[in-house]
Amino acid sequence: MKSPRTIVLTFVVAASLVGCEPPPDPRLQAAQDFKSTVFDLVGRDESQTRRLNGLQLGMSDREVLDAAGSPTRRESRVTESGRNLETWVYNGELSTLGTLTFENGRLVQVQTN
C-alpha cells in the first residue's frame, strides 16, 4: 500500500506535467479550419451539381426551380424566328456549376461542369 506522502507526491508531479504541455500551434488550427471550410464548400457544390444532373429535358421552368432551386443569373432573348430562349446559370461556391437552356419555358439543354 502506498503511503499518503507517495500519493501526494505522485499527484503533485502529475499536476505539474499537465502544465508543461506546449500550447497548440495556431497555424495548425488555422490549416484545419481552412481544410474544413473547403470540404464544406466542395460538398455544397457537389450536392447542387447532382441536382442539376438529375434534371430531365422537357421539364418546365417551374419543375426545374422545384428540383434545382433558383439560378444565380437568368438571361432571356427572342430569336429571329420568334422562339423565346432563356439561359439559367448556376454558380457554386467555387465555380460555375451548370448552365440550363429553356425554349418557350421547357428545358432543352443541361451543361454541367
N, C-alpha and C. Protein backbone atom coordinates (compact mmCIF):
# COMPACT_ATOMS: atom_id res chain seq x y z
N MET A 1 0.84 -1.17 0.00
CA MET A 1 0.00 0.00 0.00
C MET A 1 0.89 1.24 0.00
N LYS A 2 0.51 2.22 -0.80
CA LYS A 2 1.29 3.43 -0.90
C LYS A 2 0.99 4.32 0.30
N SER A 3 2.02 5.01 0.72
CA SER A 3 1.84 5.93 1.84
C SER A 3 1.13 7.19 1.35
N PRO A 4 0.49 7.93 2.25
CA PRO A 4 -0.16 9.18 1.86
C PRO A 4 0.83 10.15 1.25
N ARG A 5 2.09 10.15 1.72
CA ARG A 5 3.09 11.05 1.17
C ARG A 5 3.38 10.69 -0.29
N THR A 6 3.46 9.41 -0.64
CA THR A 6 3.71 8.97 -2.02
C THR A 6 2.54 9.38 -2.91
N ILE A 7 1.34 9.24 -2.41
CA ILE A 7 0.16 9.62 -3.20
C ILE A 7 0.17 11.11 -3.49
N VAL A 8 0.46 11.92 -2.48
CA VAL A 8 0.50 13.37 -2.66
C VAL A 8 1.61 13.75 -3.63
N LEU A 9 2.77 13.14 -3.49
CA LEU A 9 3.90 13.43 -4.37
C LEU A 9 3.56 13.05 -5.82
N THR A 10 2.91 11.91 -6.02
CA THR A 10 2.51 11.48 -7.35
C THR A 10 1.53 12.48 -7.95
N PHE A 11 0.60 12.97 -7.15
CA PHE A 11 -0.37 13.95 -7.62
C PHE A 11 0.31 15.26 -8.02
N VAL A 12 1.25 15.73 -7.21
CA VAL A 12 1.96 16.98 -7.49
C VAL A 12 2.76 16.86 -8.79
N VAL A 13 3.45 15.75 -8.99
CA VAL A 13 4.23 15.55 -10.21
C VAL A 13 3.29 15.50 -11.42
N ALA A 14 2.20 14.78 -11.32
CA ALA A 14 1.25 14.67 -12.43
C ALA A 14 0.65 16.03 -12.75
N ALA A 15 0.30 16.80 -11.75
CA ALA A 15 -0.29 18.12 -11.96
C ALA A 15 0.71 19.06 -12.61
N SER A 16 1.96 18.96 -12.25
CA SER A 16 2.96 19.84 -12.85
C SER A 16 3.24 19.47 -14.30
N LEU A 17 3.13 18.20 -14.63
CA LEU A 17 3.34 17.77 -16.01
C LEU A 17 2.24 18.27 -16.93
N VAL A 18 1.02 18.36 -16.43
CA VAL A 18 -0.09 18.85 -17.24
C VAL A 18 0.18 20.28 -17.68
N GLY A 19 0.72 21.08 -16.82
CA GLY A 19 1.03 22.46 -17.16
C GLY A 19 2.22 22.61 -18.09
N CYS A 20 2.99 21.56 -18.32
CA CYS A 20 4.18 21.62 -19.17
C CYS A 20 3.88 21.40 -20.65
N GLU A 21 2.66 21.03 -20.97
CA GLU A 21 2.31 20.77 -22.37
C GLU A 21 2.32 22.08 -23.14
N PRO A 22 3.00 22.10 -24.29
CA PRO A 22 3.06 23.35 -25.06
C PRO A 22 1.69 23.71 -25.61
N PRO A 23 1.41 25.01 -25.76
CA PRO A 23 0.10 25.41 -26.31
C PRO A 23 -0.01 24.96 -27.77
N PRO A 24 -1.23 24.72 -28.25
CA PRO A 24 -1.40 24.28 -29.64
C PRO A 24 -0.91 25.37 -30.61
N ASP A 25 -0.36 24.94 -31.72
CA ASP A 25 0.15 25.85 -32.74
C ASP A 25 -1.03 26.50 -33.46
N PRO A 26 -1.17 27.83 -33.45
CA PRO A 26 -2.31 28.47 -34.11
C PRO A 26 -2.30 28.26 -35.62
N ARG A 27 -1.12 28.04 -36.21
CA ARG A 27 -1.06 27.78 -37.65
C ARG A 27 -1.70 26.44 -37.97
N LEU A 28 -1.51 25.46 -37.11
CA LEU A 28 -2.13 24.15 -37.32
C LEU A 28 -3.64 24.27 -37.23
N GLN A 29 -4.13 25.02 -36.25
CA GLN A 29 -5.58 25.20 -36.11
C GLN A 29 -6.15 25.93 -37.33
N ALA A 30 -5.44 26.95 -37.82
CA ALA A 30 -5.90 27.69 -39.00
C ALA A 30 -5.96 26.78 -40.21
N ALA A 31 -4.96 25.91 -40.37
CA ALA A 31 -4.95 24.98 -41.50
C ALA A 31 -6.11 23.99 -41.40
N GLN A 32 -6.39 23.51 -40.20
CA GLN A 32 -7.50 22.58 -40.01
C GLN A 32 -8.83 23.27 -40.29
N ASP A 33 -8.98 24.53 -39.86
CA ASP A 33 -10.21 25.29 -40.14
C ASP A 33 -10.39 25.51 -41.63
N PHE A 34 -9.30 25.85 -42.32
CA PHE A 34 -9.36 26.08 -43.77
C PHE A 34 -9.77 24.80 -44.49
N LYS A 35 -9.17 23.69 -44.12
CA LYS A 35 -9.50 22.39 -44.74
C LYS A 35 -10.97 22.07 -44.54
N SER A 36 -11.48 22.30 -43.35
CA SER A 36 -12.89 22.03 -43.06
C SER A 36 -13.80 22.91 -43.92
N THR A 37 -13.43 24.18 -44.07
CA THR A 37 -14.22 25.11 -44.88
C THR A 37 -14.24 24.69 -46.34
N VAL A 38 -13.09 24.31 -46.88
CA VAL A 38 -13.01 23.90 -48.28
C VAL A 38 -13.85 22.64 -48.51
N PHE A 39 -13.74 21.67 -47.62
CA PHE A 39 -14.54 20.45 -47.79
C PHE A 39 -16.03 20.75 -47.72
N ASP A 40 -16.42 21.69 -46.88
CA ASP A 40 -17.83 22.09 -46.78
C ASP A 40 -18.29 22.72 -48.09
N LEU A 41 -17.48 23.62 -48.65
CA LEU A 41 -17.84 24.29 -49.91
C LEU A 41 -17.92 23.29 -51.06
N VAL A 42 -16.96 22.39 -51.14
CA VAL A 42 -16.96 21.38 -52.20
C VAL A 42 -18.19 20.49 -52.06
N GLY A 43 -18.53 20.13 -50.85
CA GLY A 43 -19.72 19.30 -50.62
C GLY A 43 -21.00 19.98 -51.10
N ARG A 44 -21.12 21.28 -50.83
CA ARG A 44 -22.31 22.00 -51.30
C ARG A 44 -22.36 22.06 -52.82
N ASP A 45 -21.21 22.30 -53.45
CA ASP A 45 -21.16 22.34 -54.92
C ASP A 45 -21.52 20.99 -55.52
N GLU A 46 -21.01 19.90 -54.93
CA GLU A 46 -21.32 18.57 -55.44
C GLU A 46 -22.80 18.26 -55.30
N SER A 47 -23.40 18.69 -54.21
CA SER A 47 -24.83 18.46 -54.00
C SER A 47 -25.66 19.19 -55.06
N GLN A 48 -25.31 20.44 -55.35
CA GLN A 48 -26.05 21.20 -56.37
C GLN A 48 -25.83 20.59 -57.74
N THR A 49 -24.62 20.15 -58.05
CA THR A 49 -24.33 19.52 -59.35
C THR A 49 -25.16 18.25 -59.52
N ARG A 50 -25.33 17.47 -58.45
CA ARG A 50 -26.18 16.27 -58.52
C ARG A 50 -27.62 16.65 -58.86
N ARG A 51 -28.12 17.73 -58.26
CA ARG A 51 -29.49 18.17 -58.56
C ARG A 51 -29.60 18.59 -60.02
N LEU A 52 -28.61 19.31 -60.53
CA LEU A 52 -28.64 19.72 -61.93
C LEU A 52 -28.58 18.52 -62.87
N ASN A 53 -27.75 17.55 -62.54
CA ASN A 53 -27.63 16.36 -63.39
C ASN A 53 -28.88 15.48 -63.34
N GLY A 54 -29.70 15.67 -62.33
CA GLY A 54 -30.93 14.89 -62.22
C GLY A 54 -32.10 15.47 -63.01
N LEU A 55 -31.91 16.63 -63.62
CA LEU A 55 -32.98 17.25 -64.39
C LEU A 55 -33.22 16.48 -65.69
N GLN A 56 -34.45 16.55 -66.18
CA GLN A 56 -34.82 15.86 -67.41
C GLN A 56 -35.20 16.89 -68.47
N LEU A 57 -34.74 16.68 -69.68
CA LEU A 57 -35.13 17.55 -70.78
C LEU A 57 -36.65 17.53 -70.90
N GLY A 58 -37.21 18.69 -71.22
CA GLY A 58 -38.66 18.80 -71.34
C GLY A 58 -39.35 19.30 -70.08
N MET A 59 -38.60 19.36 -68.96
CA MET A 59 -39.19 19.87 -67.72
C MET A 59 -39.55 21.34 -67.89
N SER A 60 -40.61 21.77 -67.20
CA SER A 60 -40.98 23.19 -67.22
C SER A 60 -40.03 23.97 -66.32
N ASP A 61 -40.01 25.27 -66.49
CA ASP A 61 -39.15 26.09 -65.65
C ASP A 61 -39.55 25.97 -64.18
N ARG A 62 -40.83 25.81 -63.90
CA ARG A 62 -41.31 25.64 -62.52
C ARG A 62 -40.77 24.33 -61.92
N GLU A 63 -40.81 23.25 -62.71
CA GLU A 63 -40.30 21.96 -62.24
C GLU A 63 -38.80 22.04 -61.96
N VAL A 64 -38.08 22.77 -62.80
CA VAL A 64 -36.64 22.93 -62.59
C VAL A 64 -36.38 23.73 -61.32
N LEU A 65 -37.13 24.80 -61.10
CA LEU A 65 -36.98 25.57 -59.87
C LEU A 65 -37.22 24.71 -58.63
N ASP A 66 -38.24 23.87 -58.71
CA ASP A 66 -38.54 22.99 -57.58
C ASP A 66 -37.42 21.98 -57.34
N ALA A 67 -36.82 21.49 -58.42
CA ALA A 67 -35.80 20.44 -58.30
C ALA A 67 -34.41 20.98 -58.01
N ALA A 68 -34.06 22.12 -58.60
CA ALA A 68 -32.67 22.60 -58.51
C ALA A 68 -32.53 23.94 -57.80
N GLY A 69 -33.64 24.59 -57.50
CA GLY A 69 -33.55 25.89 -56.85
C GLY A 69 -33.36 27.01 -57.86
N SER A 70 -33.26 28.21 -57.33
CA SER A 70 -33.12 29.39 -58.18
C SER A 70 -31.71 29.51 -58.74
N PRO A 71 -31.62 29.93 -59.99
CA PRO A 71 -30.29 30.13 -60.58
C PRO A 71 -29.64 31.41 -60.05
N THR A 72 -28.35 31.50 -60.26
CA THR A 72 -27.63 32.71 -59.89
C THR A 72 -27.97 33.84 -60.84
N ARG A 73 -28.14 33.49 -62.11
CA ARG A 73 -28.39 34.51 -63.14
C ARG A 73 -29.30 33.93 -64.22
N ARG A 74 -30.16 34.79 -64.78
CA ARG A 74 -31.03 34.42 -65.90
C ARG A 74 -30.81 35.41 -67.04
N GLU A 75 -30.78 34.87 -68.25
CA GLU A 75 -30.66 35.71 -69.44
C GLU A 75 -31.73 35.27 -70.43
N SER A 76 -32.50 36.23 -70.94
CA SER A 76 -33.58 35.93 -71.89
C SER A 76 -33.32 36.62 -73.22
N ARG A 77 -33.78 35.96 -74.27
CA ARG A 77 -33.72 36.58 -75.60
C ARG A 77 -34.76 35.93 -76.49
N VAL A 78 -35.13 36.66 -77.53
CA VAL A 78 -36.07 36.14 -78.52
C VAL A 78 -35.30 36.02 -79.83
N THR A 79 -35.37 34.84 -80.45
CA THR A 79 -34.65 34.62 -81.70
C THR A 79 -35.40 35.30 -82.85
N GLU A 80 -34.72 35.38 -83.99
CA GLU A 80 -35.35 35.98 -85.17
C GLU A 80 -36.61 35.24 -85.59
N SER A 81 -36.64 33.93 -85.29
CA SER A 81 -37.82 33.15 -85.66
C SER A 81 -38.93 33.23 -84.60
N GLY A 82 -38.69 34.01 -83.53
CA GLY A 82 -39.73 34.21 -82.52
C GLY A 82 -39.69 33.25 -81.35
N ARG A 83 -38.68 32.41 -81.27
CA ARG A 83 -38.58 31.49 -80.13
C ARG A 83 -38.05 32.24 -78.91
N ASN A 84 -38.64 31.96 -77.77
CA ASN A 84 -38.18 32.54 -76.51
C ASN A 84 -37.12 31.61 -75.91
N LEU A 85 -35.90 32.08 -75.82
CA LEU A 85 -34.81 31.31 -75.21
C LEU A 85 -34.41 31.96 -73.89
N GLU A 86 -34.20 31.13 -72.91
CA GLU A 86 -33.75 31.63 -71.61
C GLU A 86 -32.61 30.74 -71.14
N THR A 87 -31.56 31.37 -70.62
CA THR A 87 -30.40 30.65 -70.09
C THR A 87 -30.32 30.92 -68.59
N TRP A 88 -30.20 29.85 -67.84
CA TRP A 88 -30.03 29.96 -66.40
C TRP A 88 -28.63 29.49 -66.06
N VAL A 89 -27.94 30.27 -65.26
CA VAL A 89 -26.59 29.92 -64.83
C VAL A 89 -26.61 29.66 -63.33
N TYR A 90 -26.03 28.53 -62.93
CA TYR A 90 -25.92 28.16 -61.52
C TYR A 90 -24.45 28.25 -61.12
N ASN A 91 -24.16 29.21 -60.25
CA ASN A 91 -22.81 29.33 -59.71
C ASN A 91 -22.74 28.63 -58.38
N GLY A 92 -21.64 27.94 -58.15
CA GLY A 92 -21.42 27.31 -56.87
C GLY A 92 -20.57 28.20 -55.98
N GLU A 93 -20.08 27.62 -54.93
CA GLU A 93 -19.23 28.35 -54.00
C GLU A 93 -17.85 28.59 -54.61
N LEU A 94 -17.42 27.68 -55.50
CA LEU A 94 -16.06 27.75 -56.02
C LEU A 94 -15.98 28.00 -57.53
N SER A 95 -17.07 27.73 -58.25
CA SER A 95 -17.03 27.90 -59.71
C SER A 95 -18.46 27.84 -60.26
N THR A 96 -18.59 28.03 -61.60
CA THR A 96 -19.87 27.85 -62.25
C THR A 96 -20.16 26.36 -62.32
N LEU A 97 -21.34 25.97 -61.87
CA LEU A 97 -21.69 24.55 -61.82
C LEU A 97 -22.44 24.07 -63.04
N GLY A 98 -23.26 24.94 -63.61
CA GLY A 98 -24.04 24.49 -64.76
C GLY A 98 -24.80 25.62 -65.42
N THR A 99 -25.17 25.33 -66.66
CA THR A 99 -25.96 26.26 -67.46
C THR A 99 -27.12 25.49 -68.06
N LEU A 100 -28.31 26.02 -67.90
CA LEU A 100 -29.51 25.39 -68.43
C LEU A 100 -30.09 26.29 -69.51
N THR A 101 -30.61 25.68 -70.57
CA THR A 101 -31.24 26.44 -71.64
C THR A 101 -32.69 25.99 -71.76
N PHE A 102 -33.58 26.98 -71.80
CA PHE A 102 -35.02 26.74 -71.96
C PHE A 102 -35.47 27.33 -73.28
N GLU A 103 -36.38 26.65 -73.92
CA GLU A 103 -37.03 27.18 -75.12
C GLU A 103 -38.52 27.16 -74.86
N ASN A 104 -39.12 28.34 -74.93
CA ASN A 104 -40.56 28.50 -74.67
C ASN A 104 -40.96 27.84 -73.35
N GLY A 105 -40.13 28.03 -72.33
CA GLY A 105 -40.46 27.56 -70.98
C GLY A 105 -40.15 26.10 -70.70
N ARG A 106 -39.51 25.40 -71.64
CA ARG A 106 -39.17 23.98 -71.44
C ARG A 106 -37.66 23.79 -71.53
N LEU A 107 -37.15 22.93 -70.66
CA LEU A 107 -35.72 22.67 -70.60
C LEU A 107 -35.27 21.90 -71.86
N VAL A 108 -34.31 22.47 -72.59
CA VAL A 108 -33.85 21.82 -73.81
C VAL A 108 -32.36 21.44 -73.76
N GLN A 109 -31.61 21.98 -72.76
CA GLN A 109 -30.19 21.64 -72.68
C GLN A 109 -29.70 21.83 -71.24
N VAL A 110 -28.86 20.89 -70.78
CA VAL A 110 -28.22 20.97 -69.47
C VAL A 110 -26.73 20.79 -69.69
N GLN A 111 -25.96 21.75 -69.23
CA GLN A 111 -24.50 21.64 -69.29
C GLN A 111 -23.98 21.81 -67.87
N THR A 112 -23.28 20.80 -67.38
CA THR A 112 -22.67 20.90 -66.05
C THR A 112 -21.16 20.79 -66.18
N ASN A 113 -20.50 21.41 -65.24
CA ASN A 113 -19.02 21.41 -65.25
C ASN A 113 -18.47 20.37 -64.30
